[in-house]
Amino acid sequence: MGSEDKVKASHFYNDIVELNQQDKLKVMWIEKIKKLRSVMDEWSRKNGNLSIGSTEGRQWGKDWDRFLKLKELFEFHRPNFIKKKHMVEMNEIYKRYNG
């Protein structure tokens, strides 16, 4: 593995850790999950006056449940288990709440 293939990340104690490809993918997906969570939280704060029974409220509830399942998938399974359909689904949810 050449030096151009390595990714360096700083951790709490300023130690430098080289990440392998699996670790890079996991970090990438954790960052995407954090960003999606942030967007959904912001949307819910802005739309806190919506009824949970409204169309948007029901959609948010379904998307929140799916977000939790995707988060679990990305956190507890190997990155190569993540399929294209999961990526597309995350993108669709993100677009719905980032607009």
PDB file of N, CA and C in Angstrom:
ATOM      1  N   MET A   1       0.846  -1.169   0.000  1.00  0.00           N
ATOM      2  CA  MET A   1       0.000   0.000   0.000  1.00  0.00           C
ATOM      3  C   MET A   1       0.891   1.231   0.000  1.00  0.00           C
ATOM      4  N   GLY A   2       0.744   2.081  -1.004  1.00  0.00           N
ATOM      5  CA  GLY A   2       1.548   3.286  -1.096  1.00  0.00           C
ATOM      6  C   GLY A   2       1.022   4.363  -0.165  1.00  0.00           C
ATOM      7  N   SER A   3       1.866   5.362   0.053  1.00  0.00           N
ATOM      8  CA  SER A   3       1.455   6.419   0.973  1.00  0.00           C
ATOM      9  C   SER A   3       0.251   7.192   0.459  1.00  0.00           C
ATOM     10  N   GLU A   4       0.052   7.221  -0.877  1.00  0.00           N
ATOM     11  CA  GLU A   4      -1.105   7.921  -1.424  1.00  0.00           C
ATOM     12  C   GLU A   4      -2.408   7.191  -1.140  1.00  0.00           C
ATOM     13  N   ASP A   5      -2.339   5.897  -0.780  1.00  0.00           N
ATOM     14  CA  ASP A   5      -3.523   5.107  -0.482  1.00  0.00           C
ATOM     15  C   ASP A   5      -3.953   5.219   0.978  1.00  0.00           C
ATOM     16  N   LYS A   6      -3.160   5.869   1.781  1.00  0.00           N
ATOM     17  CA  LYS A   6      -3.434   5.929   3.210  1.00  0.00           C
ATOM     18  C   LYS A   6      -4.195   7.205   3.556  1.00  0.00           C
ATOM     19  N   VAL A   7      -5.088   7.069   4.507  1.00  0.00           N
ATOM     20  CA  VAL A   7      -5.821   8.217   5.026  1.00  0.00           C
ATOM     21  C   VAL A   7      -5.422   8.356   6.478  1.00  0.00           C
ATOM     22  N   LYS A   8      -5.083   9.546   6.871  1.00  0.00           N
ATOM     23  CA  LYS A   8      -4.686   9.764   8.257  1.00  0.00           C
ATOM     24  C   LYS A   8      -5.778  10.525   8.979  1.00  0.00           C
ATOM     25  N   ALA A   9      -6.033  10.112  10.190  1.00  0.00           N
ATOM     26  CA  ALA A   9      -7.064  10.767  10.991  1.00  0.00           C
ATOM     27  C   ALA A   9      -6.509  11.060  12.369  1.00  0.00           C
ATOM     28  N   SER A  10      -6.799  12.217  12.872  1.00  0.00           N
ATOM     29  CA  SER A  10      -6.363  12.588  14.203  1.00  0.00           C
ATOM     30  C   SER A  10      -7.439  12.170  15.197  1.00  0.00           C
ATOM     31  N   HIS A  11      -7.032  11.615  16.309  1.00  0.00           N
ATOM     32  CA  HIS A  11      -7.975  11.206  17.336  1.00  0.00           C
ATOM     33  C   HIS A  11      -7.735  12.018  18.596  1.00  0.00           C
ATOM     34  N   PHE A  12      -8.436  11.706  19.665  1.00  0.00           N
ATOM     35  CA  PHE A  12      -8.430  12.501  20.878  1.00  0.00           C
ATOM     36  C   PHE A  12      -7.043  12.810  21.423  1.00  0.00           C
ATOM     37  N   TYR A  13      -6.133  11.897  21.315  1.00  0.00           N
ATOM     38  CA  TYR A  13      -4.815  12.085  21.911  1.00  0.00           C
ATOM     39  C   TYR A  13      -3.778  12.523  20.893  1.00  0.00           C
ATOM     40  N   ASN A  14      -4.244  13.051  19.770  1.00  0.00           N
ATOM     41  CA  ASN A  14      -3.375  13.522  18.702  1.00  0.00           C
ATOM     42  C   ASN A  14      -2.508  12.416  18.124  1.00  0.00           C
ATOM     43  N   ASP A  15      -2.941  11.177  18.269  1.00  0.00           N
ATOM     44  CA  ASP A  15      -2.243  10.067  17.639  1.00  0.00           C
ATOM     45  C   ASP A  15      -2.672  10.013  16.180  1.00  0.00           C
ATOM     46  N   ILE A  16      -1.776   9.623  15.322  1.00  0.00           N
ATOM     47  CA  ILE A  16      -2.087   9.463  13.909  1.00  0.00           C
ATOM     48  C   ILE A  16      -2.376   7.986  13.670  1.00  0.00           C
ATOM     49  N   VAL A  17      -3.517   7.731  13.051  1.00  0.00           N
ATOM     50  CA  VAL A  17      -3.935   6.357  12.794  1.00  0.00           C
ATOM     51  C   VAL A  17      -4.151   6.209  11.301  1.00  0.00           C
ATOM     52  N   GLU A  18      -3.589   5.170  10.721  1.00  0.00           N
ATOM     53  CA  GLU A  18      -3.815   4.898   9.317  1.00  0.00           C
ATOM     54  C   GLU A  18      -5.043   4.011   9.190  1.00  0.00           C
ATOM     55  N   LEU A  19      -5.954   4.411   8.312  1.00  0.00           N
ATOM     56  CA  LEU A  19      -7.193   3.673   8.145  1.00  0.00           C
ATOM     57  C   LEU A  19      -7.115   2.807   6.892  1.00  0.00           C
ATOM     58  N   ASN A  20      -7.599   1.580   7.001  1.00  0.00           N
ATOM     59  CA  ASN A  20      -7.675   0.743   5.810  1.00  0.00           C
ATOM     60  C   ASN A  20      -8.958   1.086   5.052  1.00  0.00           C
ATOM     61  N   GLN A  21      -9.181   0.467   3.912  1.00  0.00           N
ATOM     62  CA  GLN A  21     -10.333   0.789   3.074  1.00  0.00           C
ATOM     63  C   GLN A  21     -11.656   0.558   3.802  1.00  0.00           C
ATOM     64  N   GLN A  22     -11.775  -0.530   4.551  1.00  0.00           N
ATOM     65  CA  GLN A  22     -13.001  -0.814   5.304  1.00  0.00           C
ATOM     66  C   GLN A  22     -13.284   0.304   6.307  1.00  0.00           C
ATOM     67  N   ASP A  23     -12.236   0.746   7.005  1.00  0.00           N
ATOM     68  CA  ASP A  23     -12.405   1.818   7.985  1.00  0.00           C
ATOM     69  C   ASP A  23     -12.805   3.123   7.310  1.00  0.00           C
ATOM     70  N   LYS A  24     -12.218   3.411   6.152  1.00  0.00           N
ATOM     71  CA  LYS A  24     -12.571   4.631   5.427  1.00  0.00           C
ATOM     72  C   LYS A  24     -14.041   4.631   5.055  1.00  0.00           C
ATOM     73  N   LEU A  25     -14.538   3.490   4.602  1.00  0.00           N
ATOM     74  CA  LEU A  25     -15.954   3.391   4.237  1.00  0.00           C
ATOM     75  C   LEU A  25     -16.850   3.581   5.453  1.00  0.00           C
ATOM     76  N   LYS A  26     -16.457   2.977   6.559  1.00  0.00           N
ATOM     77  CA  LYS A  26     -17.265   3.101   7.775  1.00  0.00           C
ATOM     78  C   LYS A  26     -17.313   4.550   8.247  1.00  0.00           C
ATOM     79  N   VAL A  27     -16.176   5.224   8.229  1.00  0.00           N
ATOM     80  CA  VAL A  27     -16.126   6.630   8.630  1.00  0.00           C
ATOM     81  C   VAL A  27     -16.990   7.471   7.695  1.00  0.00           C
ATOM     82  N   MET A  28     -16.909   7.194   6.396  1.00  0.00           N
ATOM     83  CA  MET A  28     -17.691   7.935   5.419  1.00  0.00           C
ATOM     84  C   MET A  28     -19.185   7.782   5.713  1.00  0.00           C
ATOM     85  N   TRP A  29     -19.642   6.561   5.987  1.00  0.00           N
ATOM     86  CA  TRP A  29     -21.062   6.341   6.236  1.00  0.00           C
ATOM     87  C   TRP A  29     -21.501   6.909   7.566  1.00  0.00           C
ATOM     88  N   ILE A  30     -20.653   6.881   8.552  1.00  0.00           N
ATOM     89  CA  ILE A  30     -21.001   7.489   9.838  1.00  0.00           C
ATOM     90  C   ILE A  30     -21.188   8.991   9.662  1.00  0.00           C
ATOM     91  N   GLU A  31     -20.337   9.619   8.862  1.00  0.00           N
ATOM     92  CA  GLU A  31     -20.486  11.049   8.593  1.00  0.00           C
ATOM     93  C   GLU A  31     -21.784  11.344   7.847  1.00  0.00           C
ATOM     94  N   LYS A  32     -22.141  10.487   6.898  1.00  0.00           N
ATOM     95  CA  LYS A  32     -23.391  10.673   6.149  1.00  0.00           C
ATOM     96  C   LYS A  32     -24.600  10.524   7.081  1.00  0.00           C
ATOM     97  N   ILE A  33     -24.546   9.573   7.985  1.00  0.00           N
ATOM     98  CA  ILE A  33     -25.631   9.373   8.954  1.00  0.00           C
ATOM     99  C   ILE A  33     -25.766  10.611   9.846  1.00  0.00           C
ATOM    100  N   LYS A  34     -24.639  11.146  10.300  1.00  0.00           N
ATOM    101  CA  LYS A  34     -24.679  12.340  11.139  1.00  0.00           C
ATOM    102  C   LYS A  34     -25.305  13.517  10.395  1.00  0.00           C
ATOM    103  N   LYS A  35     -24.941  13.671   9.125  1.00  0.00           N
ATOM    104  CA  LYS A  35     -25.467  14.775   8.328  1.00  0.00           C
ATOM    105  C   LYS A  35     -26.975  14.608   8.112  1.00  0.00           C
ATOM    106  N   LEU A  36     -27.414  13.384   7.809  1.00  0.00           N
ATOM    107  CA  LEU A  36     -28.840  13.132   7.625  1.00  0.00           C
ATOM    108  C   LEU A  36     -29.598  13.412   8.914  1.00  0.00           C
ATOM    109  N   ARG A  37     -29.056  12.994  10.034  1.00  0.00           N
ATOM    110  CA  ARG A  37     -29.689  13.243  11.335  1.00  0.00           C
ATOM    111  C   ARG A  37     -29.833  14.737  11.570  1.00  0.00           C
ATOM    112  N   SER A  38     -28.797  15.476  11.278  1.00  0.00           N
ATOM    113  CA  SER A  38     -28.820  16.920  11.458  1.00  0.00           C
ATOM    114  C   SER A  38     -29.894  17.583  10.604  1.00  0.00           C
ATOM    115  N   VAL A  39     -29.993  17.169   9.356  1.00  0.00           N
ATOM    116  CA  VAL A  39     -30.995  17.730   8.439  1.00  0.00           C
ATOM    117  C   VAL A  39     -32.405  17.395   8.918  1.00  0.00           C
ATOM    118  N   MET A  40     -32.621  16.159   9.352  1.00  0.00           N
ATOM    119  CA  MET A  40     -33.948  15.761   9.836  1.00  0.00           C
ATOM    120  C   MET A  40     -34.306  16.493  11.131  1.00  0.00           C
ATOM    121  N   ASP A  41     -33.336  16.668  12.023  1.00  0.00           N
ATOM    122  CA  ASP A  41     -33.585  17.406  13.264  1.00  0.00           C
ATOM    123  C   ASP A  41     -33.950  18.854  12.971  1.00  0.00           C
ATOM    124  N   GLU A  42     -33.230  19.473  12.056  1.00  0.00           N
ATOM    125  CA  GLU A  42     -33.500  20.862  11.694  1.00  0.00           C
ATOM    126  C   GLU A  42     -34.901  21.002  11.095  1.00  0.00           C
ATOM    127  N   TRP A  43     -35.264  20.074  10.215  1.00  0.00           N
ATOM    128  CA  TRP A  43     -36.595  20.106   9.610  1.00  0.00           C
ATOM    129  C   TRP A  43     -37.673  19.983  10.683  1.00  0.00           C
ATOM    130  N   SER A  44     -37.467  19.075  11.634  1.00  0.00           N
ATOM    131  CA  SER A  44     -38.486  18.870  12.672  1.00  0.00           C
ATOM    132  C   SER A  44     -38.600  20.093  13.584  1.00  0.00           C
ATOM    133  N   ARG A  45     -37.496  20.796  13.827  1.00  0.00           N
ATOM    134  CA  ARG A  45     -37.567  22.026  14.624  1.00  0.00           C
ATOM    135  C   ARG A  45     -38.349  23.109  13.886  1.00  0.00           C
ATOM    136  N   LYS A  46     -38.076  23.240  12.587  1.00  0.00           N
ATOM    137  CA  LYS A  46     -38.764  24.258  11.788  1.00  0.00           C
ATOM    138  C   LYS A  46     -40.244  23.949  11.606  1.00  0.00           C
ATOM    139  N   ASN A  47     -40.598  22.676  11.619  1.00  0.00           N
ATOM    140  CA  ASN A  47     -41.968  22.254  11.362  1.00  0.00           C
ATOM    141  C   ASN A  47     -42.611  21.617  12.587  1.00  0.00           C
ATOM    142  N   GLY A  48     -42.213  22.056  13.751  1.00  0.00           N
ATOM    143  CA  GLY A  48     -42.715  21.499  14.998  1.00  0.00           C
ATOM    144  C   GLY A  48     -44.202  21.707  15.218  1.00  0.00           C
ATOM    145  N   ASN A  49     -44.773  22.644  14.488  1.00  0.00           N
ATOM    146  CA  ASN A  49     -46.200  22.913  14.656  1.00  0.00           C
ATOM    147  C   ASN A  49     -47.074  21.988  13.811  1.00  0.00           C
ATOM    148  N   LEU A  50     -46.471  21.147  12.988  1.00  0.00           N
ATOM    149  CA  LEU A  50     -47.251  20.205  12.172  1.00  0.00           C
ATOM    150  C   LEU A  50     -47.818  19.092  13.036  1.00  0.00           C
ATOM    151  N   SER A  51     -49.017  18.678  12.723  1.00  0.00           N
ATOM    152  CA  SER A  51     -49.637  17.555  13.418  1.00  0.00           C
ATOM    153  C   SER A  51     -48.981  16.255  12.952  1.00  0.00           C
ATOM    154  N   ILE A  52     -48.812  15.322  13.863  1.00  0.00           N
ATOM    155  CA  ILE A  52     -48.245  14.023  13.506  1.00  0.00           C
ATOM    156  C   ILE A  52     -49.188  13.280  12.565  1.00  0.00           C
ATOM    157  N   GLY A  53     -50.457  13.668  12.555  1.00  0.00           N
ATOM    158  CA  GLY A  53     -51.430  13.046  11.671  1.00  0.00           C
ATOM    159  C   GLY A  53     -51.480  13.656  10.284  1.00  0.00           C
ATOM    160  N   SER A  54     -50.745  14.762  10.089  1.00  0.00           N
ATOM    161  CA  SER A  54     -50.724  15.388   8.765  1.00  0.00           C
ATOM    162  C   SER A  54     -49.899  14.530   7.814  1.00  0.00           C
ATOM    163  N   THR A  55     -50.036  14.792   6.542  1.00  0.00           N
ATOM    164  CA  THR A  55     -49.284  14.037   5.536  1.00  0.00           C
ATOM    165  C   THR A  55     -47.782  14.148   5.788  1.00  0.00           C
ATOM    166  N   GLU A  56     -47.323  15.383   6.022  1.00  0.00           N
ATOM    167  CA  GLU A  56     -45.886  15.589   6.277  1.00  0.00           C
ATOM    168  C   GLU A  56     -45.450  14.940   7.588  1.00  0.00           C
ATOM    169  N   GLY A  57     -46.296  15.008   8.596  1.00  0.00           N
ATOM    170  CA  GLY A  57     -45.974  14.398   9.891  1.00  0.00           C
ATOM    171  C   GLY A  57     -45.860  12.887   9.809  1.00  0.00           C
ATOM    172  N   ARG A  58     -46.784  12.271   9.081  1.00  0.00           N
ATOM    173  CA  ARG A  58     -46.725  10.806   8.904  1.00  0.00           C
ATOM    174  C   ARG A  58     -45.484  10.413   8.101  1.00  0.00           C
ATOM    175  N   GLN A  59     -45.173  11.198   7.069  1.00  0.00           N
ATOM    176  CA  GLN A  59     -43.987  10.901   6.253  1.00  0.00           C
ATOM    177  C   GLN A  59     -42.724  11.011   7.089  1.00  0.00           C
ATOM    178  N   TRP A  60     -42.656  12.057   7.930  1.00  0.00           N
ATOM    179  CA  TRP A  60     -41.485  12.229   8.782  1.00  0.00           C
ATOM    180  C   TRP A  60     -41.345  11.039   9.732  1.00  0.00           C
ATOM    181  N   GLY A  61     -42.459  10.581  10.292  1.00  0.00           N
ATOM    182  CA  GLY A  61     -42.425   9.421  11.195  1.00  0.00           C
ATOM    183  C   GLY A  61     -41.899   8.175  10.499  1.00  0.00           C
ATOM    184  N   LYS A  62     -42.364   7.932   9.280  1.00  0.00           N
ATOM    185  CA  LYS A  62     -41.869   6.777   8.508  1.00  0.00           C
ATOM    186  C   LYS A  62     -40.387   6.930   8.193  1.00  0.00           C
ATOM    187  N   ASP A  63     -40.004   8.147   7.783  1.00  0.00           N
ATOM    188  CA  ASP A  63     -38.594   8.383   7.461  1.00  0.00           C
ATOM    189  C   ASP A  63     -37.715   8.266   8.695  1.00  0.00           C
ATOM    190  N   TRP A  64     -38.207   8.714   9.851  1.00  0.00           N
ATOM    191  CA  TRP A  64     -37.429   8.611  11.086  1.00  0.00           C
ATOM    192  C   TRP A  64     -37.203   7.143  11.446  1.00  0.00           C
ATOM    193  N   ASP A  65     -38.246   6.334  11.346  1.00  0.00           N
ATOM    194  CA  ASP A  65     -38.092   4.903  11.622  1.00  0.00           C
ATOM    195  C   ASP A  65     -37.071   4.281  10.668  1.00  0.00           C
ATOM    196  N   ARG A  66     -37.153   4.646   9.399  1.00  0.00           N
ATOM    197  CA  ARG A  66     -36.209   4.101   8.416  1.00  0.00           C
ATOM    198  C   ARG A  66     -34.799   4.596   8.693  1.00  0.00           C
ATOM    199  N   PHE A  67     -34.672   5.862   9.090  1.00  0.00           N
ATOM    200  CA  PHE A  67     -33.361   6.408   9.453  1.00  0.00           C
ATOM    201  C   PHE A  67     -32.726   5.574  10.564  1.00  0.00           C
ATOM    202  N   LEU A  68     -33.517   5.244  11.590  1.00  0.00           N
ATOM    203  CA  LEU A  68     -32.979   4.455  12.701  1.00  0.00           C
ATOM    204  C   LEU A  68     -32.508   3.079  12.236  1.00  0.00           C
ATOM    205  N   LYS A  69     -33.247   2.464  11.323  1.00  0.00           N
ATOM    206  CA  LYS A  69     -32.844   1.153  10.800  1.00  0.00           C
ATOM    207  C   LYS A  69     -31.572   1.265   9.950  1.00  0.00           C
ATOM    208  N   LEU A  70     -31.498   2.301   9.120  1.00  0.00           N
ATOM    209  CA  LEU A  70     -30.297   2.506   8.308  1.00  0.00           C
ATOM    210  C   LEU A  70     -29.088   2.802   9.192  1.00  0.00           C
ATOM    211  N   LYS A  71     -29.301   3.592  10.228  1.00  0.00           N
ATOM    212  CA  LYS A  71     -28.216   3.915  11.158  1.00  0.00           C
ATOM    213  C   LYS A  71     -27.674   2.639  11.796  1.00  0.00           C
ATOM    214  N   GLU A  72     -28.571   1.786  12.234  1.00  0.00           N
ATOM    215  CA  GLU A  72     -28.168   0.508  12.824  1.00  0.00           C
ATOM    216  C   GLU A  72     -27.399  -0.333  11.807  1.00  0.00           C
ATOM    217  N   LEU A  73     -27.894  -0.381  10.598  1.00  0.00           N
ATOM    218  CA  LEU A  73     -27.226  -1.131   9.536  1.00  0.00           C
ATOM    219  C   LEU A  73     -25.803  -0.635   9.332  1.00  0.00           C
ATOM    220  N   PHE A  74     -25.636   0.671   9.234  1.00  0.00           N
ATOM    221  CA  PHE A  74     -24.325   1.244   8.954  1.00  0.00           C
ATOM    222  C   PHE A  74     -23.379   1.146  10.138  1.00  0.00           C
ATOM    223  N   GLU A  75     -23.913   1.195  11.357  1.00  0.00           N
ATOM    224  CA  GLU A  75     -23.044   1.165  12.536  1.00  0.00           C
ATOM    225  C   GLU A  75     -22.611  -0.236  12.931  1.00  0.00           C
ATOM    226  N   PHE A  76     -23.475  -1.222  12.721  1.00  0.00           N
ATOM    227  CA  PHE A  76     -23.185  -2.538  13.272  1.00  0.00           C
ATOM    228  C   PHE A  76     -22.849  -3.612  12.239  1.00  0.00           C
ATOM    229  N   HIS A  77     -22.867  -3.255  10.981  1.00  0.00           N
ATOM    230  CA  HIS A  77     -22.528  -4.218   9.945  1.00  0.00           C
ATOM    231  C   HIS A  77     -21.340  -3.717   9.148  1.00  0.00           C
ATOM    232  N   ARG A  78     -20.680  -4.634   8.532  1.00  0.00           N
ATOM    233  CA  ARG A  78     -19.521  -4.265   7.726  1.00  0.00           C
ATOM    234  C   ARG A  78     -19.960  -3.366   6.574  1.00  0.00           C
ATOM    235  N   PRO A  79     -19.105  -2.413   6.190  1.00  0.00           N
ATOM    236  CA  PRO A  79     -19.476  -1.511   5.099  1.00  0.00           C
ATOM    237  C   PRO A  79     -19.804  -2.214   3.785  1.00  0.00           C
ATOM    238  N   ASN A  80     -19.220  -3.363   3.530  1.00  0.00           N
ATOM    239  CA  ASN A  80     -19.516  -4.028   2.253  1.00  0.00           C
ATOM    240  C   ASN A  80     -20.905  -4.663   2.243  1.00  0.00           C
ATOM    241  N   PHE A  81     -21.601  -4.632   3.381  1.00  0.00           N
ATOM    242  CA  PHE A  81     -22.984  -5.106   3.450  1.00  0.00           C
ATOM    243  C   PHE A  81     -23.943  -4.043   2.910  1.00  0.00           C
ATOM    244  N   ILE A  82     -23.482  -2.792   2.890  1.00  0.00           N
ATOM    245  CA  ILE A  82     -24.311  -1.684   2.433  1.00  0.00           C
ATOM    246  C   ILE A  82     -24.505  -1.795   0.921  1.00  0.00           C
ATOM    247  N   LYS A  83     -25.736  -1.799   0.507  1.00  0.00           N
ATOM    248  CA  LYS A  83     -26.090  -1.964  -0.905  1.00  0.00           C
ATOM    249  C   LYS A  83     -26.438  -0.613  -1.523  1.00  0.00           C
ATOM    250  N   LYS A  84     -26.469  -0.587  -2.839  1.00  0.00           N
ATOM    251  CA  LYS A  84     -26.814   0.639  -3.556  1.00  0.00           C
ATOM    252  C   LYS A  84     -28.201   1.133  -3.150  1.00  0.00           C
ATOM    253  N   LYS A  85     -29.137   0.207  -2.933  1.00  0.00           N
ATOM    254  CA  LYS A  85     -30.494   0.616  -2.555  1.00  0.00           C
ATOM    255  C   LYS A  85     -30.502   1.386  -1.240  1.00  0.00           C
ATOM    256  N   HIS A  86     -29.598   1.055  -0.323  1.00  0.00           N
ATOM    257  CA  HIS A  86     -29.504   1.776   0.943  1.00  0.00           C
ATOM    258  C   HIS A  86     -28.989   3.197   0.706  1.00  0.00           C
ATOM    259  N   MET A  87     -28.010   3.323  -0.180  1.00  0.00           N
ATOM    260  CA  MET A  87     -27.462   4.645  -0.492  1.00  0.00           C
ATOM    261  C   MET A  87     -28.524   5.520  -1.150  1.00  0.00           C
ATOM    262  N   VAL A  88     -29.270   4.934  -2.097  1.00  0.00           N
ATOM    263  CA  VAL A  88     -30.331   5.675  -2.790  1.00  0.00           C
ATOM    264  C   VAL A  88     -31.400   6.106  -1.801  1.00  0.00           C
ATOM    265  N   GLU A  89     -31.764   5.209  -0.913  1.00  0.00           N
ATOM    266  CA  GLU A  89     -32.787   5.525   0.088  1.00  0.00           C
ATOM    267  C   GLU A  89     -32.341   6.674   0.999  1.00  0.00           C
ATOM    268  N   MET A  90     -31.090   6.640   1.446  1.00  0.00           N
ATOM    269  CA  MET A  90     -30.571   7.730   2.265  1.00  0.00           C
ATOM    270  C   MET A  90     -30.600   9.044   1.510  1.00  0.00           C
ATOM    271  N   ASN A  91     -30.221   9.015   0.229  1.00  0.00           N
ATOM    272  CA  ASN A  91     -30.232  10.229  -0.587  1.00  0.00           C
ATOM    273  C   ASN A  91     -31.643  10.782  -0.741  1.00  0.00           C
ATOM    274  N   GLU A  92     -32.618   9.905  -0.936  1.00  0.00           N
ATOM    275  CA  GLU A  92     -34.004  10.355  -1.083  1.00  0.00           C
ATOM    276  C   GLU A  92     -34.501  11.021   0.195  1.00  0.00           C
ATOM    277  N   ILE A  93     -34.201  10.417   1.325  1.00  0.00           N
ATOM    278  CA  ILE A  93     -34.613  11.008   2.602  1.00  0.00           C
ATOM    279  C   ILE A  93     -33.918  12.356   2.797  1.00  0.00           C
ATOM    280  N   TYR A  94     -32.638  12.408   2.486  1.00  0.00           N
ATOM    281  CA  TYR A  94     -31.879  13.654   2.637  1.00  0.00           C
ATOM    282  C   TYR A  94     -32.489  14.759   1.775  1.00  0.00           C
ATOM    283  N   LYS A  95     -32.783  14.452   0.530  1.00  0.00           N
ATOM    284  CA  LYS A  95     -33.372  15.455  -0.377  1.00  0.00           C
ATOM    285  C   LYS A  95     -34.722  15.947   0.126  1.00  0.00           C
ATOM    286  N   ARG A  96     -35.504  15.040   0.710  1.00  0.00           N
ATOM    287  CA  ARG A  96     -36.826  15.407   1.212  1.00  0.00           C
ATOM    288  C   ARG A  96     -36.737  16.464   2.315  1.00  0.00           C
ATOM    289  N   TYR A  97     -35.720  16.407   3.149  1.00  0.00           N
ATOM    290  CA  TYR A  97     -35.641  17.300   4.307  1.00  0.00           C
ATOM    291  C   TYR A  97     -34.612  18.407   4.162  1.00  0.00           C
ATOM    292  N   ASN A  98     -33.858  18.412   3.109  1.00  0.00           N
ATOM    293  CA  ASN A  98     -32.852  19.452   2.911  1.00  0.00           C
ATOM    294  C   ASN A  98     -33.323  20.499   1.895  1.00  0.00           C
ATOM    295  N   GLY A  99     -34.556  20.436   1.465  1.00  0.00           N
ATOM    296  CA  GLY A  99     -35.031  21.334   0.430  1.00  0.00           C
ATOM    297  C   GLY A  99     -35.695  22.572   0.900  1.00  0.00           C
TER     298      GLY A  99
END
